[in-house]
Amino acid sequence: MFEFHDHRKDLAAPTNEMIERQAERYEQIFTLFKEYRDVIESVTFWGMADDYTWLDHFPVQGRKNWPFLFDEQHEPKSAFWRVASI
């Protein structure tokens, strides 16, 4: 969700802009997956929810990341609903 040159460490939660950008990106990716569904057998996530992710502190040490379809309370995010509607 962070832009490449964004090295902020001060966010306690993703901004609305970040949440929307994430939802758009997931929608684009899963639309492409659907287009190629005849050759894609599965999609694997390296985690389930934002409360625990290997992306915390990577690539910026000391920064929280929110990469998944479910938030830290395991509630679906906008990105989940975009993917589910495809």
N, C-alpha and C. Protein backbone atom coordinates (compact mmCIF):
# COMPACT_ATOMS: atom_id res chain seq x y z
N MET A 1 0.80 -1.19 0.00
CA MET A 1 0.00 0.00 0.00
C MET A 1 0.85 1.26 0.00
N PHE A 2 2.07 1.16 0.46
CA PHE A 2 2.94 2.33 0.46
C PHE A 2 3.49 2.55 -0.94
N GLU A 3 3.63 3.81 -1.31
CA GLU A 3 4.33 4.14 -2.54
C GLU A 3 5.80 3.75 -2.36
N PHE A 4 6.51 3.50 -3.47
CA PHE A 4 7.89 3.03 -3.40
C PHE A 4 8.79 3.93 -2.56
N HIS A 5 8.66 5.24 -2.71
CA HIS A 5 9.55 6.17 -2.01
C HIS A 5 9.01 6.62 -0.65
N ASP A 6 7.92 6.06 -0.21
CA ASP A 6 7.30 6.44 1.06
C ASP A 6 7.93 5.64 2.19
N HIS A 7 8.69 6.30 3.02
CA HIS A 7 9.39 5.62 4.13
C HIS A 7 8.85 6.02 5.49
N ARG A 8 7.59 6.51 5.52
CA ARG A 8 6.99 6.91 6.80
C ARG A 8 6.93 5.74 7.77
N LYS A 9 7.09 6.06 9.05
CA LYS A 9 6.97 5.07 10.11
C LYS A 9 5.95 5.52 11.15
N ASP A 10 5.29 6.65 10.92
CA ASP A 10 4.44 7.26 11.94
C ASP A 10 2.97 6.87 11.86
N LEU A 11 2.58 6.05 10.90
CA LEU A 11 1.16 5.71 10.76
C LEU A 11 0.76 4.58 11.71
N ALA A 12 -0.33 4.80 12.43
CA ALA A 12 -0.88 3.76 13.31
C ALA A 12 -1.93 2.93 12.59
N ALA A 13 -2.39 3.44 11.46
CA ALA A 13 -3.39 2.75 10.64
C ALA A 13 -3.23 3.26 9.21
N PRO A 14 -3.66 2.47 8.23
CA PRO A 14 -3.56 2.93 6.85
C PRO A 14 -4.50 4.11 6.61
N THR A 15 -4.11 5.00 5.73
CA THR A 15 -4.96 6.13 5.37
C THR A 15 -6.09 5.63 4.46
N ASN A 16 -7.14 6.42 4.32
CA ASN A 16 -8.23 6.06 3.41
C ASN A 16 -7.72 5.91 1.98
N GLU A 17 -6.80 6.76 1.60
CA GLU A 17 -6.21 6.68 0.25
C GLU A 17 -5.48 5.34 0.07
N MET A 18 -4.76 4.91 1.08
CA MET A 18 -4.04 3.64 1.00
C MET A 18 -5.02 2.47 0.89
N ILE A 19 -6.10 2.53 1.65
CA ILE A 19 -7.11 1.46 1.62
C ILE A 19 -7.75 1.38 0.24
N GLU A 20 -8.07 2.53 -0.34
CA GLU A 20 -8.67 2.55 -1.67
C GLU A 20 -7.69 2.06 -2.73
N ARG A 21 -6.45 2.50 -2.65
CA ARG A 21 -5.43 2.06 -3.61
C ARG A 21 -5.23 0.55 -3.52
N GLN A 22 -5.24 0.02 -2.29
CA GLN A 22 -5.11 -1.42 -2.10
C GLN A 22 -6.29 -2.16 -2.73
N ALA A 23 -7.50 -1.67 -2.51
CA ALA A 23 -8.69 -2.30 -3.07
C ALA A 23 -8.62 -2.30 -4.60
N GLU A 24 -8.22 -1.18 -5.17
CA GLU A 24 -8.08 -1.09 -6.63
C GLU A 24 -7.05 -2.08 -7.15
N ARG A 25 -5.94 -2.18 -6.47
CA ARG A 25 -4.86 -3.08 -6.90
C ARG A 25 -5.30 -4.54 -6.83
N TYR A 26 -5.92 -4.93 -5.70
CA TYR A 26 -6.42 -6.30 -5.59
C TYR A 26 -7.44 -6.60 -6.69
N GLU A 27 -8.32 -5.64 -6.97
CA GLU A 27 -9.32 -5.83 -8.02
C GLU A 27 -8.65 -6.04 -9.37
N GLN A 28 -7.63 -5.25 -9.68
CA GLN A 28 -6.91 -5.40 -10.94
C GLN A 28 -6.25 -6.78 -11.03
N ILE A 29 -5.60 -7.16 -9.97
CA ILE A 29 -4.86 -8.43 -9.98
C ILE A 29 -5.81 -9.61 -10.11
N PHE A 30 -6.89 -9.62 -9.32
CA PHE A 30 -7.80 -10.75 -9.37
C PHE A 30 -8.65 -10.77 -10.65
N THR A 31 -8.85 -9.63 -11.26
CA THR A 31 -9.50 -9.60 -12.57
C THR A 31 -8.59 -10.28 -13.60
N LEU A 32 -7.30 -10.01 -13.51
CA LEU A 32 -6.34 -10.67 -14.39
C LEU A 32 -6.29 -12.17 -14.12
N PHE A 33 -6.28 -12.54 -12.84
CA PHE A 33 -6.31 -13.97 -12.50
C PHE A 33 -7.54 -14.65 -13.11
N LYS A 34 -8.67 -13.98 -13.03
CA LYS A 34 -9.90 -14.56 -13.59
C LYS A 34 -9.79 -14.72 -15.11
N GLU A 35 -9.18 -13.75 -15.75
CA GLU A 35 -8.99 -13.81 -17.19
C GLU A 35 -8.16 -15.03 -17.59
N TYR A 36 -7.22 -15.41 -16.74
CA TYR A 36 -6.34 -16.54 -17.01
C TYR A 36 -6.68 -17.76 -16.15
N ARG A 37 -7.93 -17.86 -15.75
CA ARG A 37 -8.34 -18.95 -14.85
C ARG A 37 -8.13 -20.34 -15.43
N ASP A 38 -8.02 -20.43 -16.75
CA ASP A 38 -7.79 -21.74 -17.36
C ASP A 38 -6.38 -22.25 -17.12
N VAL A 39 -5.46 -21.38 -16.71
CA VAL A 39 -4.08 -21.81 -16.44
C VAL A 39 -3.64 -21.55 -15.00
N ILE A 40 -4.48 -20.86 -14.22
CA ILE A 40 -4.17 -20.60 -12.80
C ILE A 40 -5.01 -21.54 -11.95
N GLU A 41 -4.35 -22.37 -11.17
CA GLU A 41 -5.07 -23.34 -10.35
C GLU A 41 -5.37 -22.83 -8.95
N SER A 42 -4.53 -21.93 -8.44
CA SER A 42 -4.74 -21.43 -7.09
C SER A 42 -3.96 -20.14 -6.88
N VAL A 43 -4.33 -19.45 -5.82
CA VAL A 43 -3.63 -18.24 -5.39
C VAL A 43 -3.31 -18.42 -3.92
N THR A 44 -2.07 -18.18 -3.54
CA THR A 44 -1.63 -18.37 -2.16
C THR A 44 -1.29 -17.02 -1.53
N PHE A 45 -1.83 -16.79 -0.35
CA PHE A 45 -1.47 -15.61 0.45
C PHE A 45 -0.49 -16.06 1.53
N TRP A 46 0.48 -15.24 1.83
CA TRP A 46 1.44 -15.55 2.88
C TRP A 46 0.98 -14.94 4.19
N GLY A 47 -0.20 -15.30 4.60
CA GLY A 47 -0.80 -14.81 5.83
C GLY A 47 -2.28 -14.63 5.62
N MET A 48 -2.97 -14.23 6.70
CA MET A 48 -4.41 -14.12 6.62
C MET A 48 -4.94 -12.72 6.91
N ALA A 49 -4.37 -12.08 7.92
CA ALA A 49 -4.89 -10.78 8.34
C ALA A 49 -3.72 -9.87 8.72
N ASP A 50 -4.03 -8.57 8.80
CA ASP A 50 -3.00 -7.56 9.04
C ASP A 50 -2.39 -7.58 10.44
N ASP A 51 -2.94 -8.37 11.35
CA ASP A 51 -2.36 -8.39 12.70
C ASP A 51 -1.00 -9.09 12.73
N TYR A 52 -0.74 -9.95 11.76
CA TYR A 52 0.55 -10.62 11.71
C TYR A 52 0.95 -10.81 10.26
N THR A 53 2.01 -10.15 9.85
CA THR A 53 2.49 -10.26 8.48
C THR A 53 4.00 -10.12 8.43
N TRP A 54 4.61 -10.88 7.56
CA TRP A 54 6.06 -10.80 7.39
C TRP A 54 6.46 -9.46 6.79
N LEU A 55 5.50 -8.71 6.25
CA LEU A 55 5.82 -7.41 5.66
C LEU A 55 5.96 -6.30 6.70
N ASP A 56 5.57 -6.56 7.95
CA ASP A 56 5.85 -5.56 8.99
C ASP A 56 7.36 -5.41 9.08
N HIS A 57 7.81 -4.18 9.08
CA HIS A 57 9.23 -3.85 9.19
C HIS A 57 10.03 -4.17 7.94
N PHE A 58 9.33 -4.46 6.82
CA PHE A 58 10.01 -4.70 5.55
C PHE A 58 9.27 -3.97 4.45
N PRO A 59 9.91 -3.24 3.63
CA PRO A 59 11.35 -3.00 3.55
C PRO A 59 11.84 -1.87 4.47
N VAL A 60 10.92 -1.22 5.19
CA VAL A 60 11.31 -0.13 6.09
C VAL A 60 11.24 -0.62 7.52
N GLN A 61 12.38 -0.69 8.17
CA GLN A 61 12.45 -1.15 9.56
C GLN A 61 11.64 -0.22 10.46
N GLY A 62 10.80 -0.79 11.32
CA GLY A 62 10.00 -0.01 12.24
C GLY A 62 8.66 0.45 11.70
N ARG A 63 8.27 -0.05 10.52
CA ARG A 63 7.01 0.38 9.91
C ARG A 63 6.01 -0.78 9.84
N LYS A 64 4.78 -0.51 10.22
CA LYS A 64 3.67 -1.47 10.12
C LYS A 64 3.19 -1.51 8.67
N ASN A 65 2.77 -2.66 8.22
CA ASN A 65 2.21 -2.82 6.88
C ASN A 65 0.85 -3.49 7.00
N TRP A 66 -0.03 -3.24 6.07
CA TRP A 66 -1.40 -3.77 6.10
C TRP A 66 -1.73 -4.39 4.74
N PRO A 67 -1.12 -5.54 4.40
CA PRO A 67 -1.22 -6.06 3.04
C PRO A 67 -2.42 -6.95 2.72
N PHE A 68 -3.16 -7.39 3.71
CA PHE A 68 -4.13 -8.45 3.47
C PHE A 68 -5.57 -7.96 3.24
N LEU A 69 -6.42 -8.90 2.91
CA LEU A 69 -7.83 -8.63 2.68
C LEU A 69 -8.61 -8.44 3.98
N PHE A 70 -8.00 -8.83 5.11
CA PHE A 70 -8.63 -8.72 6.42
C PHE A 70 -7.77 -7.84 7.32
N ASP A 71 -8.42 -6.99 8.12
CA ASP A 71 -7.70 -6.06 8.98
C ASP A 71 -7.17 -6.76 10.23
N GLU A 72 -6.67 -5.98 11.16
CA GLU A 72 -6.07 -6.53 12.38
C GLU A 72 -7.08 -7.20 13.31
N GLN A 73 -8.35 -6.90 13.13
CA GLN A 73 -9.41 -7.57 13.92
C GLN A 73 -10.06 -8.69 13.11
N HIS A 74 -9.45 -9.03 11.98
CA HIS A 74 -9.92 -10.10 11.08
C HIS A 74 -11.25 -9.77 10.41
N GLU A 75 -11.52 -8.47 10.27
CA GLU A 75 -12.71 -8.01 9.56
C GLU A 75 -12.34 -7.76 8.10
N PRO A 76 -13.25 -8.05 7.17
CA PRO A 76 -12.94 -7.82 5.75
C PRO A 76 -12.75 -6.34 5.44
N LYS A 77 -11.74 -6.05 4.63
CA LYS A 77 -11.47 -4.69 4.18
C LYS A 77 -12.11 -4.48 2.82
N SER A 78 -12.05 -3.27 2.31
CA SER A 78 -12.59 -2.94 0.99
C SER A 78 -12.03 -3.87 -0.08
N ALA A 79 -10.76 -4.19 0.04
CA ALA A 79 -10.12 -5.08 -0.95
C ALA A 79 -10.82 -6.45 -0.99
N PHE A 80 -11.23 -6.96 0.17
CA PHE A 80 -11.93 -8.25 0.21
C PHE A 80 -13.21 -8.18 -0.63
N TRP A 81 -13.98 -7.13 -0.41
CA TRP A 81 -15.27 -7.01 -1.11
C TRP A 81 -15.07 -6.84 -2.61
N ARG A 82 -14.00 -6.18 -3.01
CA ARG A 82 -13.71 -6.03 -4.44
C ARG A 82 -13.39 -7.40 -5.05
N VAL A 83 -12.56 -8.16 -4.36
CA VAL A 83 -12.19 -9.50 -4.85
C VAL A 83 -13.42 -10.41 -4.87
N ALA A 84 -14.21 -10.36 -3.82
CA ALA A 84 -15.40 -11.23 -3.73
C ALA A 84 -16.41 -10.92 -4.83
N SER A 85 -16.42 -9.69 -5.34
CA SER A 85 -17.40 -9.32 -6.36
C SER A 85 -16.96 -9.69 -7.77
N ILE A 86 -15.76 -10.17 -7.93
CA ILE A 86 -15.25 -10.51 -9.28
C ILE A 86 -15.84 -11.82 -9.76
